[in-house]
Amino acid sequence: MSLKKEIGRNSSPAIRLAIVSMLLCGLLFPLAVTGFAQVLFPSQANGSTAHLSANNGKAVGSYLIGQNFSSPIFFHSRNSSLSASGVDPDITRQDALEQVSRISTATGITEDALYALIDQNIEKTFLIFGDSYVNVLSLNLALIQTYRSVYCPAGTTPVPSYCG
């Protein structure tokens, strides 16, 4: 038998195995996982998108990815030096409380009202593990919805994108 036929006969099963593995692992498995995720966890599978009713239901961000709020009228995410990835969507209650004075000064909303809003948006960790936290996007959306006259005053131009 020639060397060429011998190589072909020995490599044929390996090539077939590689093709079958690519189809199973690269196509069928990801499709199956995506399908299960859509059925069992549709919100998470679609990115946990945040919608603001004042903005005609348009998507304004994701609850899972930190948003870049830099205006003094909003709560800010954790400083990137404290969050390794820079995309942490949550801050501690204490971090939120430390920002109240700045937001109150910039907006005219009383500090007590801001404290209450923070406490209404506290999220608990799983069972007893870890500390409670505040999702910055949720908190800022609650600010806009609760104090629409402050954040979206009539006749302002340009109208901020979150005002619709």
N, C-alpha and C. Protein backbone atom coordinates (compact mmCIF):
# COMPACT_ATOMS: atom_id res chain seq x y z
N MET A 1 0.86 -1.17 0.00
CA MET A 1 0.00 0.00 0.00
C MET A 1 0.90 1.22 0.00
N SER A 2 0.44 2.22 -0.74
CA SER A 2 1.27 3.43 -0.83
C SER A 2 1.13 4.28 0.42
N LEU A 3 2.12 5.11 0.62
CA LEU A 3 2.12 6.00 1.79
C LEU A 3 0.94 6.96 1.75
N LYS A 4 0.60 7.44 0.58
CA LYS A 4 -0.51 8.40 0.43
C LYS A 4 -1.83 7.77 0.86
N LYS A 5 -2.09 6.52 0.45
CA LYS A 5 -3.32 5.83 0.83
C LYS A 5 -3.34 5.55 2.32
N GLU A 6 -2.19 5.22 2.87
CA GLU A 6 -2.09 4.94 4.31
C GLU A 6 -2.41 6.19 5.14
N ILE A 7 -1.89 7.34 4.74
CA ILE A 7 -2.17 8.60 5.45
C ILE A 7 -3.65 8.94 5.35
N GLY A 8 -4.23 8.79 4.15
CA GLY A 8 -5.65 9.07 3.95
C GLY A 8 -6.53 8.18 4.79
N ARG A 9 -6.19 6.90 4.85
CA ARG A 9 -6.98 5.94 5.62
C ARG A 9 -6.88 6.24 7.12
N ASN A 10 -5.73 6.69 7.61
CA ASN A 10 -5.55 6.98 9.03
C ASN A 10 -6.12 8.35 9.43
N SER A 11 -6.11 9.31 8.54
CA SER A 11 -6.59 10.66 8.90
C SER A 11 -8.08 10.84 8.67
N SER A 12 -8.70 10.00 7.89
CA SER A 12 -10.12 10.13 7.60
C SER A 12 -11.00 10.12 8.87
N PRO A 13 -10.81 9.19 9.80
CA PRO A 13 -11.63 9.22 11.02
C PRO A 13 -11.40 10.49 11.86
N ALA A 14 -10.18 10.96 11.89
CA ALA A 14 -9.88 12.18 12.66
C ALA A 14 -10.58 13.40 12.06
N ILE A 15 -10.62 13.48 10.75
CA ILE A 15 -11.29 14.60 10.09
C ILE A 15 -12.80 14.53 10.34
N ARG A 16 -13.36 13.33 10.22
CA ARG A 16 -14.81 13.17 10.49
C ARG A 16 -15.13 13.54 11.94
N LEU A 17 -14.30 13.10 12.87
CA LEU A 17 -14.52 13.42 14.28
C LEU A 17 -14.44 14.94 14.51
N ALA A 18 -13.49 15.59 13.88
CA ALA A 18 -13.36 17.05 14.02
C ALA A 18 -14.60 17.76 13.49
N ILE A 19 -15.12 17.33 12.36
CA ILE A 19 -16.32 17.97 11.78
C ILE A 19 -17.53 17.74 12.67
N VAL A 20 -17.73 16.52 13.15
CA VAL A 20 -18.85 16.23 14.04
C VAL A 20 -18.73 17.03 15.34
N SER A 21 -17.53 17.11 15.89
CA SER A 21 -17.31 17.89 17.12
C SER A 21 -17.61 19.37 16.91
N MET A 22 -17.18 19.92 15.78
CA MET A 22 -17.47 21.34 15.49
C MET A 22 -18.97 21.58 15.38
N LEU A 23 -19.69 20.67 14.74
CA LEU A 23 -21.14 20.83 14.60
C LEU A 23 -21.83 20.73 15.96
N LEU A 24 -21.43 19.75 16.76
CA LEU A 24 -22.06 19.58 18.07
C LEU A 24 -21.71 20.72 19.03
N CYS A 25 -20.43 21.02 19.15
CA CYS A 25 -19.97 22.00 20.14
C CYS A 25 -20.10 23.44 19.67
N GLY A 26 -20.01 23.65 18.37
CA GLY A 26 -20.03 25.01 17.85
C GLY A 26 -21.39 25.48 17.37
N LEU A 27 -22.31 24.55 17.13
CA LEU A 27 -23.61 24.95 16.60
C LEU A 27 -24.77 24.44 17.45
N LEU A 28 -24.86 23.12 17.60
CA LEU A 28 -26.02 22.55 18.29
C LEU A 28 -26.06 22.89 19.78
N PHE A 29 -24.94 22.76 20.48
CA PHE A 29 -24.92 23.08 21.92
C PHE A 29 -25.25 24.55 22.19
N PRO A 30 -24.62 25.52 21.51
CA PRO A 30 -24.99 26.92 21.76
C PRO A 30 -26.46 27.21 21.43
N LEU A 31 -27.00 26.61 20.39
CA LEU A 31 -28.42 26.80 20.06
C LEU A 31 -29.32 26.23 21.16
N ALA A 32 -28.95 25.06 21.68
CA ALA A 32 -29.74 24.46 22.75
C ALA A 32 -29.70 25.31 24.02
N VAL A 33 -28.52 25.77 24.40
CA VAL A 33 -28.39 26.61 25.60
C VAL A 33 -29.17 27.91 25.44
N THR A 34 -29.07 28.53 24.27
CA THR A 34 -29.82 29.77 24.01
C THR A 34 -31.32 29.52 24.08
N GLY A 35 -31.77 28.42 23.52
CA GLY A 35 -33.20 28.08 23.56
C GLY A 35 -33.70 27.88 24.99
N PHE A 36 -32.94 27.12 25.79
CA PHE A 36 -33.32 26.92 27.18
C PHE A 36 -33.32 28.23 27.95
N ALA A 37 -32.33 29.07 27.71
CA ALA A 37 -32.25 30.36 28.40
C ALA A 37 -33.45 31.24 28.04
N GLN A 38 -33.84 31.25 26.77
CA GLN A 38 -34.99 32.06 26.35
C GLN A 38 -36.28 31.59 27.03
N VAL A 39 -36.41 30.28 27.23
CA VAL A 39 -37.61 29.73 27.86
C VAL A 39 -37.59 29.92 29.37
N LEU A 40 -36.46 29.60 30.01
CA LEU A 40 -36.38 29.62 31.47
C LEU A 40 -36.07 30.99 32.06
N PHE A 41 -35.23 31.79 31.40
CA PHE A 41 -34.79 33.07 31.92
C PHE A 41 -34.83 34.13 30.81
N PRO A 42 -35.99 34.48 30.30
CA PRO A 42 -36.05 35.38 29.13
C PRO A 42 -35.45 36.77 29.39
N SER A 43 -35.66 37.33 30.57
CA SER A 43 -35.12 38.67 30.84
C SER A 43 -33.60 38.67 30.84
N GLN A 44 -33.01 37.71 31.55
CA GLN A 44 -31.56 37.64 31.62
C GLN A 44 -30.95 37.29 30.25
N ALA A 45 -31.61 36.40 29.52
CA ALA A 45 -31.08 36.00 28.21
C ALA A 45 -31.08 37.15 27.22
N ASN A 46 -31.97 38.10 27.42
CA ASN A 46 -32.05 39.25 26.52
C ASN A 46 -31.33 40.47 27.08
N GLY A 47 -30.52 40.29 28.12
CA GLY A 47 -29.67 41.37 28.60
C GLY A 47 -30.24 42.19 29.74
N SER A 48 -31.34 41.77 30.36
CA SER A 48 -31.95 42.52 31.47
C SER A 48 -32.08 43.99 31.13
N THR A 49 -32.71 44.28 30.01
CA THR A 49 -32.82 45.63 29.50
C THR A 49 -33.75 46.48 30.35
N ALA A 50 -33.33 47.69 30.65
CA ALA A 50 -34.13 48.64 31.41
C ALA A 50 -34.90 49.54 30.44
N HIS A 51 -36.17 49.72 30.73
CA HIS A 51 -37.01 50.58 29.90
C HIS A 51 -37.58 51.67 30.78
N LEU A 52 -37.71 52.86 30.24
CA LEU A 52 -38.27 53.99 30.97
C LEU A 52 -39.60 54.35 30.33
N SER A 53 -40.67 54.22 31.11
CA SER A 53 -42.00 54.46 30.55
C SER A 53 -42.14 55.89 30.02
N ALA A 54 -41.45 56.84 30.63
CA ALA A 54 -41.52 58.23 30.16
C ALA A 54 -40.84 58.41 28.81
N ASN A 55 -40.08 57.40 28.40
CA ASN A 55 -39.33 57.47 27.16
C ASN A 55 -39.95 56.56 26.09
N ASN A 56 -41.28 56.46 26.11
CA ASN A 56 -42.02 55.61 25.17
C ASN A 56 -41.58 54.14 25.24
N GLY A 57 -41.15 53.69 26.40
CA GLY A 57 -40.73 52.32 26.59
C GLY A 57 -39.42 51.96 25.92
N LYS A 58 -38.68 52.97 25.46
CA LYS A 58 -37.40 52.74 24.78
C LYS A 58 -36.36 52.25 25.78
N ALA A 59 -35.51 51.32 25.33
CA ALA A 59 -34.46 50.78 26.19
C ALA A 59 -33.47 51.89 26.53
N VAL A 60 -33.11 51.98 27.81
CA VAL A 60 -32.18 53.02 28.26
C VAL A 60 -30.91 52.45 28.89
N GLY A 61 -30.81 51.13 28.97
CA GLY A 61 -29.62 50.52 29.54
C GLY A 61 -29.89 49.09 29.97
N SER A 62 -28.92 48.52 30.65
CA SER A 62 -29.03 47.16 31.17
C SER A 62 -28.78 47.20 32.67
N TYR A 63 -29.59 46.44 33.41
CA TYR A 63 -29.41 46.38 34.85
C TYR A 63 -28.14 45.61 35.23
N LEU A 64 -27.57 44.87 34.29
CA LEU A 64 -26.41 44.03 34.58
C LEU A 64 -25.07 44.68 34.28
N ILE A 65 -25.09 45.81 33.55
CA ILE A 65 -23.85 46.47 33.16
C ILE A 65 -23.88 47.90 33.68
N GLY A 66 -22.83 48.32 34.33
CA GLY A 66 -22.76 49.67 34.87
C GLY A 66 -22.89 50.72 33.77
N GLN A 67 -23.68 51.74 34.04
CA GLN A 67 -23.89 52.83 33.09
C GLN A 67 -22.99 54.01 33.49
N ASN A 68 -22.64 54.82 32.53
CA ASN A 68 -21.76 55.95 32.79
C ASN A 68 -22.58 57.19 33.11
N PHE A 69 -22.90 57.38 34.38
CA PHE A 69 -23.58 58.59 34.82
C PHE A 69 -22.53 59.55 35.35
N SER A 70 -22.40 60.70 34.73
CA SER A 70 -21.39 61.65 35.18
C SER A 70 -21.99 62.97 35.63
N SER A 71 -23.25 63.21 35.31
CA SER A 71 -23.91 64.45 35.70
C SER A 71 -24.10 64.49 37.21
N PRO A 72 -23.97 65.66 37.82
CA PRO A 72 -24.13 65.75 39.28
C PRO A 72 -25.56 65.50 39.75
N ILE A 73 -26.52 65.43 38.84
CA ILE A 73 -27.91 65.21 39.24
C ILE A 73 -28.25 63.73 39.36
N PHE A 74 -27.28 62.83 39.08
CA PHE A 74 -27.51 61.40 39.15
C PHE A 74 -26.57 60.72 40.14
N PHE A 75 -26.98 59.54 40.60
CA PHE A 75 -26.09 58.70 41.38
C PHE A 75 -25.05 58.13 40.42
N HIS A 76 -23.81 58.03 40.88
CA HIS A 76 -22.72 57.53 40.05
C HIS A 76 -22.37 56.12 40.47
N SER A 77 -21.88 55.36 39.50
CA SER A 77 -21.40 54.01 39.79
C SER A 77 -20.13 54.09 40.61
N ARG A 78 -19.70 52.96 41.05
CA ARG A 78 -18.48 52.85 41.82
C ARG A 78 -17.30 53.34 40.98
N ASN A 79 -16.37 53.98 41.61
CA ASN A 79 -15.16 54.42 40.93
C ASN A 79 -14.47 53.21 40.32
N SER A 80 -13.98 53.35 39.09
CA SER A 80 -13.37 52.21 38.40
C SER A 80 -12.19 51.62 39.16
N SER A 81 -11.56 52.40 40.04
CA SER A 81 -10.44 51.85 40.81
C SER A 81 -10.95 50.91 41.89
N LEU A 82 -12.23 51.04 42.25
CA LEU A 82 -12.80 50.11 43.24
C LEU A 82 -13.48 48.93 42.57
N SER A 83 -13.78 49.05 41.31
CA SER A 83 -14.43 47.97 40.57
C SER A 83 -13.48 47.55 39.47
N ALA A 84 -12.96 46.36 39.58
CA ALA A 84 -11.92 45.91 38.66
C ALA A 84 -12.32 46.01 37.20
N SER A 85 -13.57 45.67 36.88
CA SER A 85 -13.98 45.69 35.48
C SER A 85 -14.43 47.07 35.03
N GLY A 86 -14.85 47.91 35.97
CA GLY A 86 -15.36 49.23 35.60
C GLY A 86 -16.79 49.20 35.11
N VAL A 87 -17.42 48.02 35.12
CA VAL A 87 -18.80 47.91 34.64
C VAL A 87 -19.73 47.35 35.72
N ASP A 88 -19.35 47.49 36.96
CA ASP A 88 -20.18 47.01 38.06
C ASP A 88 -21.43 47.87 38.15
N PRO A 89 -22.63 47.30 38.06
CA PRO A 89 -23.85 48.09 38.06
C PRO A 89 -24.33 48.49 39.45
N ASP A 90 -23.71 47.95 40.49
CA ASP A 90 -24.21 48.14 41.85
C ASP A 90 -23.23 48.91 42.72
N ILE A 91 -23.80 49.59 43.71
CA ILE A 91 -23.01 50.24 44.75
C ILE A 91 -23.61 49.86 46.09
N THR A 92 -22.85 50.04 47.14
CA THR A 92 -23.38 49.76 48.47
C THR A 92 -24.33 50.88 48.87
N ARG A 93 -25.14 50.60 49.87
CA ARG A 93 -26.05 51.63 50.39
C ARG A 93 -25.25 52.84 50.87
N GLN A 94 -24.12 52.58 51.51
CA GLN A 94 -23.27 53.66 52.01
C GLN A 94 -22.76 54.53 50.87
N ASP A 95 -22.34 53.90 49.75
CA ASP A 95 -21.89 54.67 48.58
C ASP A 95 -23.00 55.59 48.08
N ALA A 96 -24.22 55.07 48.06
CA ALA A 96 -25.36 55.88 47.60
C ALA A 96 -25.63 57.03 48.57
N LEU A 97 -25.57 56.75 49.88
CA LEU A 97 -25.83 57.79 50.87
C LEU A 97 -24.81 58.93 50.78
N GLU A 98 -23.56 58.59 50.46
CA GLU A 98 -22.52 59.60 50.36
C GLU A 98 -22.72 60.56 49.19
N GLN A 99 -23.58 60.20 48.24
CA GLN A 99 -23.83 61.04 47.07
C GLN A 99 -25.06 61.93 47.23
N VAL A 100 -25.81 61.73 48.30
CA VAL A 100 -27.07 62.46 48.50
C VAL A 100 -26.88 63.97 48.55
N SER A 101 -25.89 64.43 49.26
CA SER A 101 -25.67 65.88 49.40
C SER A 101 -25.45 66.54 48.04
N ARG A 102 -24.61 65.92 47.21
CA ARG A 102 -24.34 66.47 45.87
C ARG A 102 -25.60 66.53 45.02
N ILE A 103 -26.39 65.47 45.04
CA ILE A 103 -27.59 65.42 44.21
C ILE A 103 -28.63 66.40 44.74
N SER A 104 -28.76 66.50 46.05
CA SER A 104 -29.70 67.44 46.63
C SER A 104 -29.36 68.88 46.26
N THR A 105 -28.09 69.21 46.32
CA THR A 105 -27.64 70.55 45.95
C THR A 105 -27.91 70.84 44.47
N ALA A 106 -27.66 69.84 43.61
CA ALA A 106 -27.81 70.04 42.17
C ALA A 106 -29.27 70.07 41.71
N THR A 107 -30.14 69.37 42.43
CA THR A 107 -31.53 69.24 41.97
C THR A 107 -32.56 69.99 42.81
N GLY A 108 -32.22 70.24 44.08
CA GLY A 108 -33.21 70.84 44.97
C GLY A 108 -34.11 69.83 45.65
N ILE A 109 -33.89 68.55 45.38
CA ILE A 109 -34.65 67.49 46.05
C ILE A 109 -34.09 67.36 47.47
N THR A 110 -34.97 67.25 48.45
CA THR A 110 -34.50 67.20 49.84
C THR A 110 -33.69 65.93 50.09
N GLU A 111 -32.75 66.04 51.00
CA GLU A 111 -31.93 64.88 51.34
C GLU A 111 -32.77 63.75 51.91
N ASP A 112 -33.77 64.09 52.73
CA ASP A 112 -34.65 63.05 53.29
C ASP A 112 -35.37 62.28 52.20
N ALA A 113 -35.81 62.97 51.16
CA ALA A 113 -36.49 62.30 50.04
C ALA A 113 -35.53 61.38 49.30
N LEU A 114 -34.29 61.81 49.16
CA LEU A 114 -33.29 60.97 48.49
C LEU A 114 -32.93 59.75 49.34
N TYR A 115 -32.84 59.94 50.66
CA TYR A 115 -32.59 58.81 51.56
C TYR A 115 -33.71 57.77 51.43
N ALA A 116 -34.94 58.26 51.40
CA ALA A 116 -36.09 57.35 51.27
C ALA A 116 -36.06 56.60 49.94
N LEU A 117 -35.69 57.30 48.88
CA LEU A 117 -35.61 56.66 47.56
C LEU A 117 -34.54 55.58 47.53
N ILE A 118 -33.42 55.84 48.18
CA ILE A 118 -32.36 54.82 48.27
C ILE A 118 -32.89 53.59 48.99
N ASP A 119 -33.54 53.81 50.14
CA ASP A 119 -34.05 52.68 50.92
C ASP A 119 -35.12 51.89 50.17
N GLN A 120 -35.87 52.54 49.30
CA GLN A 120 -36.88 51.85 48.50
C GLN A 120 -36.24 51.01 47.40
N ASN A 121 -34.99 51.28 47.06
CA ASN A 121 -34.33 50.58 45.96
C ASN A 121 -33.20 49.66 46.42
N ILE A 122 -33.18 49.33 47.70
CA ILE A 122 -32.19 48.39 48.22
C ILE A 122 -32.52 46.99 47.69
N GLU A 123 -31.51 46.30 47.21
CA GLU A 123 -31.67 44.92 46.75
C GLU A 123 -30.88 44.03 47.69
N LYS A 124 -31.47 42.93 48.05
CA LYS A 124 -30.83 41.99 48.98
C LYS A 124 -30.03 40.96 48.20
N THR A 125 -28.95 40.51 48.81
CA THR A 125 -28.16 39.45 48.20
C THR A 125 -28.83 38.12 48.52
N PHE A 126 -28.34 37.08 47.91
CA PHE A 126 -28.91 35.75 48.08
C PHE A 126 -28.82 35.29 49.53
N LEU A 127 -29.95 35.04 50.13
CA LEU A 127 -30.07 34.58 51.51
C LEU A 127 -29.28 35.46 52.47
N ILE A 128 -28.28 34.91 53.14
CA ILE A 128 -27.54 35.66 54.15
C ILE A 128 -26.15 36.07 53.68
N PHE A 129 -25.82 35.77 52.43
CA PHE A 129 -24.46 35.99 51.95
C PHE A 129 -24.30 37.40 51.41
N GLY A 130 -23.29 38.11 51.86
CA GLY A 130 -22.97 39.43 51.32
C GLY A 130 -23.82 40.54 51.88
N ASP A 131 -23.52 41.75 51.42
CA ASP A 131 -24.22 42.94 51.87
C ASP A 131 -25.34 43.30 50.89
N SER A 132 -26.25 44.13 51.36
CA SER A 132 -27.29 44.66 50.48
C SER A 132 -26.64 45.68 49.56
N TYR A 133 -27.27 45.93 48.43
CA TYR A 133 -26.70 46.85 47.45
C TYR A 133 -27.80 47.63 46.75
N VAL A 134 -27.39 48.60 45.95
CA VAL A 134 -28.31 49.42 45.17
C VAL A 134 -27.85 49.37 43.72
N ASN A 135 -28.76 49.05 42.81
CA ASN A 135 -28.44 49.09 41.39
C ASN A 135 -28.54 50.55 40.96
N VAL A 136 -27.45 51.10 40.43
CA VAL A 136 -27.38 52.53 40.09
C VAL A 136 -28.40 52.90 39.02
N LEU A 137 -28.55 52.06 38.01
CA LEU A 137 -29.50 52.36 36.94
C LEU A 137 -30.92 52.38 37.49
N SER A 138 -31.28 51.39 38.30
CA SER A 138 -32.62 51.36 38.90
C SER A 138 -32.87 52.60 39.74
N LEU A 139 -31.88 52.99 40.52
CA LEU A 139 -32.01 54.16 41.38
C LEU A 139 -32.18 55.44 40.56
N ASN A 140 -31.39 55.59 39.50
CA ASN A 140 -31.51 56.79 38.66
C ASN A 140 -32.83 56.81 37.89
N LEU A 141 -33.31 55.65 37.45
CA LEU A 141 -34.61 55.61 36.79
C LEU A 141 -35.73 55.98 37.76
N ALA A 142 -35.59 55.52 39.01
CA ALA A 142 -36.58 55.90 40.03
C ALA A 142 -36.54 57.40 40.28
N LEU A 143 -35.34 57.99 40.27
CA LEU A 143 -35.22 59.46 40.41
C LEU A 143 -35.98 60.18 39.30
N ILE A 144 -35.75 59.74 38.07
CA ILE A 144 -36.40 60.39 36.92
C ILE A 144 -37.90 60.24 37.00
N GLN A 145 -38.38 59.05 37.33
CA GLN A 145 -39.82 58.83 37.37
C GLN A 145 -40.48 59.53 38.55
N THR A 146 -39.82 59.56 39.68
CA THR A 146 -40.40 60.20 40.87
C THR A 146 -40.34 61.72 40.78
N TYR A 147 -39.29 62.25 40.23
CA TYR A 147 -39.09 63.70 40.16
C TYR A 147 -39.01 64.15 38.70
N ARG A 148 -40.01 63.76 37.94
CA ARG A 148 -40.04 64.07 36.51
C ARG A 148 -39.97 65.58 36.27
N SER A 149 -40.61 66.37 37.11
CA SER A 149 -40.60 67.82 36.91
C SER A 149 -39.20 68.40 37.10
N VAL A 150 -38.36 67.75 37.90
CA VAL A 150 -36.98 68.21 38.10
C VAL A 150 -36.10 67.76 36.94
N TYR A 151 -36.27 66.52 36.52
CA TYR A 151 -35.40 65.94 35.50
C TYR A 151 -35.85 66.24 34.07
N CYS A 152 -37.13 66.51 33.89
CA CYS A 152 -37.68 66.78 32.55
C CYS A 152 -38.59 68.00 32.60
N PRO A 153 -38.05 69.17 32.96
CA PRO A 153 -38.91 70.34 33.05
C PRO A 153 -39.51 70.70 31.69
N ALA A 154 -40.74 71.15 31.70
CA ALA A 154 -41.43 71.53 30.46
C ALA A 154 -40.69 72.68 29.78
N GLY A 155 -40.59 72.58 28.47
CA GLY A 155 -40.01 73.66 27.68
C GLY A 155 -38.51 73.69 27.63
N THR A 156 -37.83 72.67 28.18
CA THR A 156 -36.37 72.68 28.13
C THR A 156 -35.88 72.19 26.77
N THR A 157 -34.86 72.80 26.28
CA THR A 157 -34.22 72.33 25.04
C THR A 157 -32.72 72.33 25.23
N PRO A 158 -32.00 71.34 24.81
CA PRO A 158 -32.59 70.15 24.23
C PRO A 158 -33.17 69.25 25.30
N VAL A 159 -34.20 68.51 24.96
CA VAL A 159 -34.83 67.61 25.92
C VAL A 159 -33.87 66.43 26.15
N PRO A 160 -33.56 66.11 27.40
CA PRO A 160 -32.68 64.96 27.65
C PRO A 160 -33.30 63.69 27.07
N SER A 161 -32.46 62.76 26.65
CA SER A 161 -32.94 61.53 25.99
C SER A 161 -33.84 60.71 26.88
N TYR A 162 -33.69 60.80 28.19
CA TYR A 162 -34.51 59.99 29.09
C TYR A 162 -35.89 60.62 29.30
N CYS A 163 -36.13 61.80 28.76
CA CYS A 163 -37.44 62.44 28.92
C CYS A 163 -38.41 62.06 27.81
N GLY A 164 -37.93 61.49 26.72
CA GLY A 164 -38.80 61.03 25.64
C GLY A 164 -39.28 62.12 24.73
